[in-house]
Amino acid sequence: MKQRSIVGVFVLAGLLAAIWFFTPARKVLSKASAAATGSQPIPVKETMTVEPGKIQTFGCEFPNTPGRLYGTFHVAGSSAKIKGATDDTLIAFKLIGPNNETLQKLDKPTSGNFDIHITSPGRYTFVLDNGGIIRRSARSVEIDAMYKPD
């Protein structure tokens, strides 16, 4: 009788292990744990309006390094029919690292690409400059990027 109970426990344990192994929930759990450890890419998508004469910032935290931040940005003014806009430029676009170092800077861009290798964890900041005394209209800026840990 005792042997039959022990065999039953082993059969039940084997059955439960087989169910766990072949269940899609296990795959979901492994994806969640991969995201928690930071091995999954992090999308960065933002559209914002930069008011005339102002500087707007947008920051992202990347705790798991090293990795690569790459993507594009597009500026719209007159093409977006923003009142008073005569062009689609910003005064400047900058990408600043966590130690306040400038990683990329473009003057008077309408769009651009960036591909930065990130070695330090921390806050990375996009700086969108629509300043200056002659700026009389807002700009719409769209950032579409991806951070992919190595």
N, C-alpha and C. Protein backbone atom coordinates (compact mmCIF):
# COMPACT_ATOMS: atom_id res chain seq x y z
N MET A 1 0.82 -1.19 0.00
CA MET A 1 0.00 0.00 0.00
C MET A 1 0.87 1.27 0.00
N LYS A 2 1.94 1.21 0.84
CA LYS A 2 2.84 2.35 0.92
C LYS A 2 3.54 2.57 -0.42
N GLN A 3 3.95 1.48 -1.08
CA GLN A 3 4.63 1.60 -2.37
C GLN A 3 3.72 2.21 -3.41
N ARG A 4 2.46 1.86 -3.40
CA ARG A 4 1.51 2.38 -4.37
C ARG A 4 1.35 3.90 -4.17
N SER A 5 1.34 4.36 -2.93
CA SER A 5 1.21 5.80 -2.64
C SER A 5 2.43 6.56 -3.13
N ILE A 6 3.60 5.98 -2.90
CA ILE A 6 4.84 6.64 -3.34
C ILE A 6 4.89 6.70 -4.87
N VAL A 7 4.53 5.64 -5.54
CA VAL A 7 4.50 5.62 -7.01
C VAL A 7 3.49 6.65 -7.51
N GLY A 8 2.34 6.74 -6.86
CA GLY A 8 1.32 7.72 -7.24
C GLY A 8 1.82 9.15 -7.12
N VAL A 9 2.57 9.44 -6.07
CA VAL A 9 3.14 10.78 -5.88
C VAL A 9 4.13 11.09 -6.99
N PHE A 10 5.00 10.13 -7.34
CA PHE A 10 5.97 10.35 -8.42
C PHE A 10 5.28 10.54 -9.77
N VAL A 11 4.26 9.79 -10.04
CA VAL A 11 3.51 9.93 -11.29
C VAL A 11 2.85 11.30 -11.35
N LEU A 12 2.25 11.71 -10.25
CA LEU A 12 1.59 13.02 -10.19
C LEU A 12 2.62 14.14 -10.37
N ALA A 13 3.76 14.02 -9.71
CA ALA A 13 4.82 15.03 -9.85
C ALA A 13 5.32 15.09 -11.29
N GLY A 14 5.50 13.94 -11.93
CA GLY A 14 5.93 13.90 -13.32
C GLY A 14 4.91 14.53 -14.25
N LEU A 15 3.65 14.27 -13.99
CA LEU A 15 2.57 14.84 -14.80
C LEU A 15 2.54 16.36 -14.66
N LEU A 16 2.65 16.85 -13.43
CA LEU A 16 2.68 18.30 -13.20
C LEU A 16 3.89 18.95 -13.87
N ALA A 17 5.04 18.30 -13.80
CA ALA A 17 6.24 18.83 -14.45
C ALA A 17 6.06 18.89 -15.97
N ALA A 18 5.45 17.87 -16.56
CA ALA A 18 5.20 17.86 -18.00
C ALA A 18 4.23 18.96 -18.40
N ILE A 19 3.19 19.16 -17.60
CA ILE A 19 2.22 20.24 -17.89
C ILE A 19 2.92 21.59 -17.83
N TRP A 20 3.73 21.79 -16.81
CA TRP A 20 4.44 23.06 -16.67
C TRP A 20 5.37 23.30 -17.85
N PHE A 21 6.08 22.25 -18.26
CA PHE A 21 7.06 22.40 -19.34
C PHE A 21 6.41 22.77 -20.66
N PHE A 22 5.24 22.19 -20.95
CA PHE A 22 4.60 22.40 -22.25
C PHE A 22 3.53 23.49 -22.24
N THR A 23 3.37 24.20 -21.15
CA THR A 23 2.34 25.24 -21.06
C THR A 23 2.87 26.58 -21.56
N PRO A 24 2.08 27.33 -22.35
CA PRO A 24 2.51 28.66 -22.80
C PRO A 24 2.76 29.62 -21.65
N ALA A 25 2.14 29.42 -20.49
CA ALA A 25 2.35 30.32 -19.35
C ALA A 25 3.81 30.35 -18.95
N ARG A 26 4.53 29.25 -19.11
CA ARG A 26 5.94 29.22 -18.79
C ARG A 26 6.72 30.19 -19.67
N LYS A 27 6.32 30.24 -20.94
CA LYS A 27 6.98 31.16 -21.86
C LYS A 27 6.70 32.61 -21.47
N VAL A 28 5.48 32.91 -21.05
CA VAL A 28 5.13 34.25 -20.60
C VAL A 28 5.96 34.62 -19.39
N LEU A 29 6.09 33.68 -18.44
CA LEU A 29 6.89 33.95 -17.25
C LEU A 29 8.34 34.18 -17.59
N SER A 30 8.90 33.42 -18.54
CA SER A 30 10.29 33.63 -18.89
C SER A 30 10.49 34.97 -19.59
N LYS A 31 9.51 35.41 -20.40
CA LYS A 31 9.60 36.73 -21.02
C LYS A 31 9.55 37.83 -19.97
N ALA A 32 8.68 37.66 -18.98
CA ALA A 32 8.57 38.66 -17.91
C ALA A 32 9.86 38.72 -17.11
N SER A 33 10.47 37.59 -16.83
CA SER A 33 11.71 37.62 -16.07
C SER A 33 12.83 38.22 -16.92
N ALA A 34 12.82 37.99 -18.23
CA ALA A 34 13.83 38.61 -19.10
C ALA A 34 13.67 40.12 -19.11
N ALA A 35 12.42 40.60 -19.12
CA ALA A 35 12.18 42.05 -19.08
C ALA A 35 12.64 42.62 -17.75
N ALA A 36 12.42 41.88 -16.68
CA ALA A 36 12.82 42.35 -15.35
C ALA A 36 14.33 42.45 -15.24
N THR A 37 15.05 41.58 -15.91
CA THR A 37 16.51 41.65 -15.85
C THR A 37 17.05 42.64 -16.86
N GLY A 38 16.20 43.19 -17.72
CA GLY A 38 16.63 44.23 -18.63
C GLY A 38 17.18 43.76 -19.95
N SER A 39 16.97 42.52 -20.31
CA SER A 39 17.51 42.04 -21.57
C SER A 39 16.59 42.33 -22.75
N GLN A 40 15.40 42.84 -22.49
CA GLN A 40 14.46 43.18 -23.56
C GLN A 40 14.69 44.62 -24.04
N PRO A 41 14.50 44.89 -25.33
CA PRO A 41 14.60 46.27 -25.82
C PRO A 41 13.53 47.16 -25.18
N ILE A 42 13.85 48.43 -25.04
CA ILE A 42 12.93 49.40 -24.45
C ILE A 42 12.59 50.43 -25.53
N PRO A 43 11.31 50.48 -25.97
CA PRO A 43 10.94 51.49 -26.96
C PRO A 43 10.82 52.86 -26.31
N VAL A 44 11.20 53.89 -27.06
CA VAL A 44 11.09 55.27 -26.60
C VAL A 44 10.36 56.02 -27.70
N LYS A 45 9.09 56.34 -27.45
CA LYS A 45 8.29 57.07 -28.44
C LYS A 45 7.62 58.23 -27.74
N GLU A 46 7.79 59.41 -28.28
CA GLU A 46 7.22 60.60 -27.66
C GLU A 46 6.98 61.66 -28.74
N THR A 47 5.85 62.30 -28.66
CA THR A 47 5.56 63.46 -29.51
C THR A 47 5.23 64.60 -28.57
N MET A 48 5.90 65.73 -28.77
CA MET A 48 5.67 66.87 -27.88
C MET A 48 5.69 68.17 -28.66
N THR A 49 5.08 69.17 -28.06
CA THR A 49 5.07 70.51 -28.63
C THR A 49 6.05 71.37 -27.86
N VAL A 50 6.96 72.01 -28.59
CA VAL A 50 7.93 72.90 -27.98
C VAL A 50 7.45 74.32 -28.29
N GLU A 51 7.07 75.02 -27.25
CA GLU A 51 6.51 76.37 -27.40
C GLU A 51 7.58 77.34 -27.91
N PRO A 52 7.16 78.44 -28.56
CA PRO A 52 8.13 79.41 -29.08
C PRO A 52 8.94 80.04 -27.94
N GLY A 53 10.24 80.19 -28.19
CA GLY A 53 11.11 80.80 -27.20
C GLY A 53 11.45 79.90 -26.03
N LYS A 54 11.12 78.63 -26.10
CA LYS A 54 11.32 77.71 -24.97
C LYS A 54 12.26 76.55 -25.34
N ILE A 55 12.74 75.91 -24.29
CA ILE A 55 13.51 74.67 -24.42
C ILE A 55 12.73 73.60 -23.69
N GLN A 56 12.50 72.48 -24.36
CA GLN A 56 11.76 71.35 -23.77
C GLN A 56 12.72 70.19 -23.63
N THR A 57 12.61 69.46 -22.51
CA THR A 57 13.43 68.28 -22.32
C THR A 57 12.55 67.05 -22.16
N PHE A 58 13.12 65.92 -22.52
CA PHE A 58 12.44 64.63 -22.36
C PHE A 58 13.51 63.64 -21.93
N GLY A 59 13.34 63.03 -20.75
CA GLY A 59 14.36 62.14 -20.23
C GLY A 59 13.91 60.70 -20.17
N CYS A 60 14.88 59.79 -20.25
CA CYS A 60 14.65 58.35 -20.17
C CYS A 60 15.71 57.74 -19.28
N GLU A 61 15.30 56.77 -18.44
CA GLU A 61 16.22 56.05 -17.58
C GLU A 61 16.61 54.73 -18.25
N PHE A 62 17.89 54.45 -18.28
CA PHE A 62 18.39 53.18 -18.79
C PHE A 62 19.29 52.57 -17.72
N PRO A 63 18.71 51.74 -16.83
CA PRO A 63 19.49 51.20 -15.72
C PRO A 63 20.41 50.05 -16.11
N ASN A 64 20.07 49.31 -17.16
CA ASN A 64 20.86 48.15 -17.56
C ASN A 64 21.75 48.51 -18.74
N THR A 65 23.03 48.59 -18.48
CA THR A 65 23.98 48.95 -19.52
C THR A 65 25.06 47.88 -19.55
N PRO A 66 25.84 47.79 -20.59
CA PRO A 66 25.86 48.65 -21.76
C PRO A 66 24.73 48.30 -22.73
N GLY A 67 24.55 49.19 -23.69
CA GLY A 67 23.52 49.00 -24.70
C GLY A 67 23.62 50.08 -25.76
N ARG A 68 22.62 50.12 -26.62
CA ARG A 68 22.61 51.05 -27.74
C ARG A 68 21.28 51.75 -27.79
N LEU A 69 21.30 53.09 -27.88
CA LEU A 69 20.10 53.90 -28.08
C LEU A 69 20.16 54.42 -29.51
N TYR A 70 19.17 54.03 -30.29
CA TYR A 70 19.18 54.47 -31.68
C TYR A 70 17.76 54.85 -32.10
N GLY A 71 17.67 55.75 -33.07
CA GLY A 71 16.36 56.14 -33.56
C GLY A 71 16.42 57.40 -34.39
N THR A 72 15.24 58.01 -34.52
CA THR A 72 15.09 59.22 -35.33
C THR A 72 14.25 60.24 -34.59
N PHE A 73 14.34 61.49 -35.06
CA PHE A 73 13.42 62.51 -34.62
C PHE A 73 13.01 63.35 -35.82
N HIS A 74 11.81 63.88 -35.76
CA HIS A 74 11.28 64.72 -36.85
C HIS A 74 10.65 65.96 -36.24
N VAL A 75 10.89 67.09 -36.88
CA VAL A 75 10.37 68.37 -36.42
C VAL A 75 9.35 68.86 -37.45
N ALA A 76 8.25 69.40 -36.97
CA ALA A 76 7.25 69.96 -37.87
C ALA A 76 6.83 71.34 -37.36
N GLY A 77 6.74 72.26 -38.27
CA GLY A 77 6.26 73.61 -37.97
C GLY A 77 5.27 73.99 -39.06
N SER A 78 5.80 74.54 -40.15
CA SER A 78 4.93 74.94 -41.25
C SER A 78 4.27 73.72 -41.91
N SER A 79 4.97 72.60 -41.98
CA SER A 79 4.38 71.42 -42.62
C SER A 79 3.22 70.85 -41.79
N ALA A 80 3.20 71.15 -40.50
CA ALA A 80 2.10 70.72 -39.63
C ALA A 80 1.03 71.81 -39.52
N LYS A 81 1.22 72.87 -40.31
CA LYS A 81 0.29 74.01 -40.35
C LYS A 81 0.12 74.66 -38.97
N ILE A 82 1.26 74.76 -38.24
CA ILE A 82 1.27 75.45 -36.96
C ILE A 82 1.26 76.95 -37.24
N LYS A 83 0.32 77.64 -36.64
CA LYS A 83 0.12 79.07 -36.89
C LYS A 83 1.42 79.86 -36.65
N GLY A 84 1.82 80.62 -37.65
CA GLY A 84 3.00 81.46 -37.56
C GLY A 84 4.31 80.79 -37.96
N ALA A 85 4.31 79.49 -38.15
CA ALA A 85 5.54 78.78 -38.51
C ALA A 85 5.86 78.97 -39.98
N THR A 86 7.11 79.31 -40.26
CA THR A 86 7.54 79.50 -41.65
C THR A 86 8.51 78.41 -42.10
N ASP A 87 8.89 77.52 -41.17
CA ASP A 87 9.78 76.41 -41.52
C ASP A 87 9.53 75.26 -40.55
N ASP A 88 10.35 74.23 -40.66
CA ASP A 88 10.21 73.04 -39.81
C ASP A 88 11.45 72.81 -38.95
N THR A 89 12.18 73.86 -38.61
CA THR A 89 13.43 73.67 -37.88
C THR A 89 13.30 73.97 -36.38
N LEU A 90 14.16 73.31 -35.62
CA LEU A 90 14.42 73.69 -34.23
C LEU A 90 15.70 74.54 -34.24
N ILE A 91 15.94 75.24 -33.18
CA ILE A 91 17.22 75.94 -33.05
C ILE A 91 18.33 74.90 -32.85
N ALA A 92 18.05 73.90 -31.97
CA ALA A 92 19.04 72.84 -31.75
C ALA A 92 18.36 71.60 -31.17
N PHE A 93 19.01 70.46 -31.40
CA PHE A 93 18.64 69.18 -30.82
C PHE A 93 19.88 68.65 -30.12
N LYS A 94 19.73 68.22 -28.86
CA LYS A 94 20.87 67.64 -28.13
C LYS A 94 20.43 66.37 -27.43
N LEU A 95 21.37 65.47 -27.26
CA LEU A 95 21.18 64.29 -26.44
C LEU A 95 22.27 64.35 -25.37
N ILE A 96 21.83 64.41 -24.10
CA ILE A 96 22.73 64.60 -22.96
C ILE A 96 22.78 63.31 -22.14
N GLY A 97 23.97 62.89 -21.72
CA GLY A 97 24.15 61.70 -20.91
C GLY A 97 23.95 61.98 -19.43
N PRO A 98 24.02 60.93 -18.60
CA PRO A 98 23.76 61.08 -17.17
C PRO A 98 24.81 61.93 -16.43
N ASN A 99 25.98 62.08 -17.00
CA ASN A 99 27.03 62.91 -16.39
C ASN A 99 27.05 64.30 -17.00
N ASN A 100 25.93 64.68 -17.62
CA ASN A 100 25.74 65.98 -18.25
C ASN A 100 26.65 66.21 -19.47
N GLU A 101 27.13 65.13 -20.07
CA GLU A 101 27.95 65.26 -21.26
C GLU A 101 27.05 65.26 -22.50
N THR A 102 27.40 66.09 -23.48
CA THR A 102 26.66 66.14 -24.74
C THR A 102 27.10 64.97 -25.61
N LEU A 103 26.16 64.08 -25.91
CA LEU A 103 26.46 62.92 -26.73
C LEU A 103 26.26 63.20 -28.21
N GLN A 104 25.31 64.09 -28.51
CA GLN A 104 25.05 64.47 -29.90
C GLN A 104 24.39 65.85 -29.90
N LYS A 105 24.78 66.68 -30.86
CA LYS A 105 24.17 68.00 -31.00
C LYS A 105 24.03 68.32 -32.47
N LEU A 106 22.84 68.79 -32.84
CA LEU A 106 22.58 69.23 -34.21
C LEU A 106 21.99 70.63 -34.16
N ASP A 107 22.50 71.54 -34.99
CA ASP A 107 21.98 72.90 -35.07
C ASP A 107 21.01 73.01 -36.24
N LYS A 108 19.90 73.66 -36.00
CA LYS A 108 18.86 73.92 -36.99
C LYS A 108 18.39 72.67 -37.74
N PRO A 109 18.09 71.59 -37.01
CA PRO A 109 17.65 70.37 -37.70
C PRO A 109 16.16 70.38 -38.01
N THR A 110 15.78 69.67 -39.05
CA THR A 110 14.37 69.39 -39.33
C THR A 110 14.07 67.93 -39.00
N SER A 111 15.13 67.11 -38.99
CA SER A 111 15.04 65.71 -38.58
C SER A 111 16.46 65.22 -38.38
N GLY A 112 16.55 64.01 -37.84
CA GLY A 112 17.89 63.47 -37.66
C GLY A 112 17.84 62.06 -37.11
N ASN A 113 19.00 61.43 -37.13
CA ASN A 113 19.19 60.08 -36.60
C ASN A 113 20.17 60.14 -35.45
N PHE A 114 20.07 59.19 -34.56
CA PHE A 114 21.07 59.06 -33.51
C PHE A 114 21.30 57.58 -33.27
N ASP A 115 22.52 57.26 -32.92
CA ASP A 115 22.92 55.89 -32.63
C ASP A 115 24.05 55.99 -31.63
N ILE A 116 23.72 55.86 -30.35
CA ILE A 116 24.66 56.12 -29.27
C ILE A 116 24.90 54.83 -28.49
N HIS A 117 26.16 54.49 -28.27
CA HIS A 117 26.49 53.36 -27.40
C HIS A 117 26.50 53.88 -25.97
N ILE A 118 25.68 53.28 -25.13
CA ILE A 118 25.53 53.73 -23.75
C ILE A 118 26.30 52.77 -22.84
N THR A 119 27.19 53.34 -22.03
CA THR A 119 27.99 52.52 -21.12
C THR A 119 27.67 52.78 -19.65
N SER A 120 27.02 53.90 -19.35
CA SER A 120 26.71 54.24 -17.96
C SER A 120 25.21 54.22 -17.73
N PRO A 121 24.76 53.59 -16.64
CA PRO A 121 23.32 53.65 -16.33
C PRO A 121 22.95 55.06 -15.89
N GLY A 122 21.69 55.41 -16.05
CA GLY A 122 21.23 56.72 -15.60
C GLY A 122 20.23 57.34 -16.54
N ARG A 123 20.04 58.64 -16.35
CA ARG A 123 19.05 59.40 -17.11
C ARG A 123 19.70 60.04 -18.34
N TYR A 124 19.12 59.75 -19.49
CA TYR A 124 19.55 60.35 -20.75
C TYR A 124 18.46 61.32 -21.18
N THR A 125 18.86 62.52 -21.60
CA THR A 125 17.90 63.59 -21.83
C THR A 125 17.99 64.13 -23.25
N PHE A 126 16.83 64.19 -23.91
CA PHE A 126 16.71 64.87 -25.19
C PHE A 126 16.40 66.34 -24.89
N VAL A 127 17.16 67.25 -25.47
CA VAL A 127 16.94 68.69 -25.27
C VAL A 127 16.52 69.26 -26.61
N LEU A 128 15.32 69.84 -26.65
CA LEU A 128 14.75 70.39 -27.88
C LEU A 128 14.65 71.90 -27.70
N ASP A 129 15.46 72.62 -28.45
CA ASP A 129 15.58 74.07 -28.29
C ASP A 129 14.80 74.80 -29.39
N ASN A 130 13.76 75.49 -28.98
CA ASN A 130 12.99 76.34 -29.89
C ASN A 130 13.07 77.78 -29.39
N GLY A 131 14.23 78.13 -28.82
CA GLY A 131 14.44 79.44 -28.20
C GLY A 131 14.81 80.51 -29.19
N GLY A 132 15.08 81.66 -28.64
CA GLY A 132 15.46 82.80 -29.44
C GLY A 132 14.35 83.84 -29.50
N ILE A 133 14.74 85.09 -29.62
CA ILE A 133 13.74 86.16 -29.58
C ILE A 133 12.91 86.25 -30.85
N ILE A 134 13.42 85.70 -31.95
CA ILE A 134 12.62 85.79 -33.18
C ILE A 134 11.70 84.58 -33.38
N ARG A 135 11.77 83.60 -32.50
CA ARG A 135 10.88 82.42 -32.60
C ARG A 135 9.48 82.81 -32.16
N ARG A 136 8.53 82.73 -33.08
CA ARG A 136 7.16 83.14 -32.77
C ARG A 136 6.14 82.02 -32.92
N SER A 137 6.64 80.81 -33.17
CA SER A 137 5.70 79.70 -33.33
C SER A 137 6.27 78.42 -32.71
N ALA A 138 5.35 77.56 -32.33
CA ALA A 138 5.72 76.29 -31.71
C ALA A 138 6.24 75.32 -32.77
N ARG A 139 6.82 74.24 -32.30
CA ARG A 139 7.24 73.14 -33.16
C ARG A 139 6.75 71.84 -32.54
N SER A 140 6.36 70.92 -33.38
CA SER A 140 5.99 69.58 -32.94
C SER A 140 7.19 68.68 -33.21
N VAL A 141 7.61 67.92 -32.20
CA VAL A 141 8.77 67.05 -32.35
C VAL A 141 8.35 65.63 -31.99
N GLU A 142 8.69 64.70 -32.88
CA GLU A 142 8.40 63.29 -32.66
C GLU A 142 9.71 62.53 -32.54
N ILE A 143 9.86 61.81 -31.42
CA ILE A 143 11.04 60.97 -31.20
C ILE A 143 10.60 59.52 -31.27
N ASP A 144 11.29 58.74 -32.08
CA ASP A 144 10.99 57.32 -32.23
C ASP A 144 12.31 56.57 -32.09
N ALA A 145 12.51 55.93 -30.94
CA ALA A 145 13.80 55.32 -30.66
C ALA A 145 13.63 53.97 -29.99
N MET A 146 14.77 53.29 -29.82
CA MET A 146 14.80 51.99 -29.16
C MET A 146 16.10 51.91 -28.37
N TYR A 147 16.00 51.43 -27.13
CA TYR A 147 17.20 51.13 -26.36
C TYR A 147 17.32 49.62 -26.30
N LYS A 148 18.45 49.11 -26.74
CA LYS A 148 18.66 47.66 -26.77
C LYS A 148 19.91 47.33 -25.96
N PRO A 149 19.72 46.66 -24.79
CA PRO A 149 20.89 46.25 -24.01
C PRO A 149 21.75 45.27 -24.81
N ASP A 150 23.06 45.33 -24.58
CA ASP A 150 23.98 44.40 -25.26
C ASP A 150 23.78 42.98 -24.78
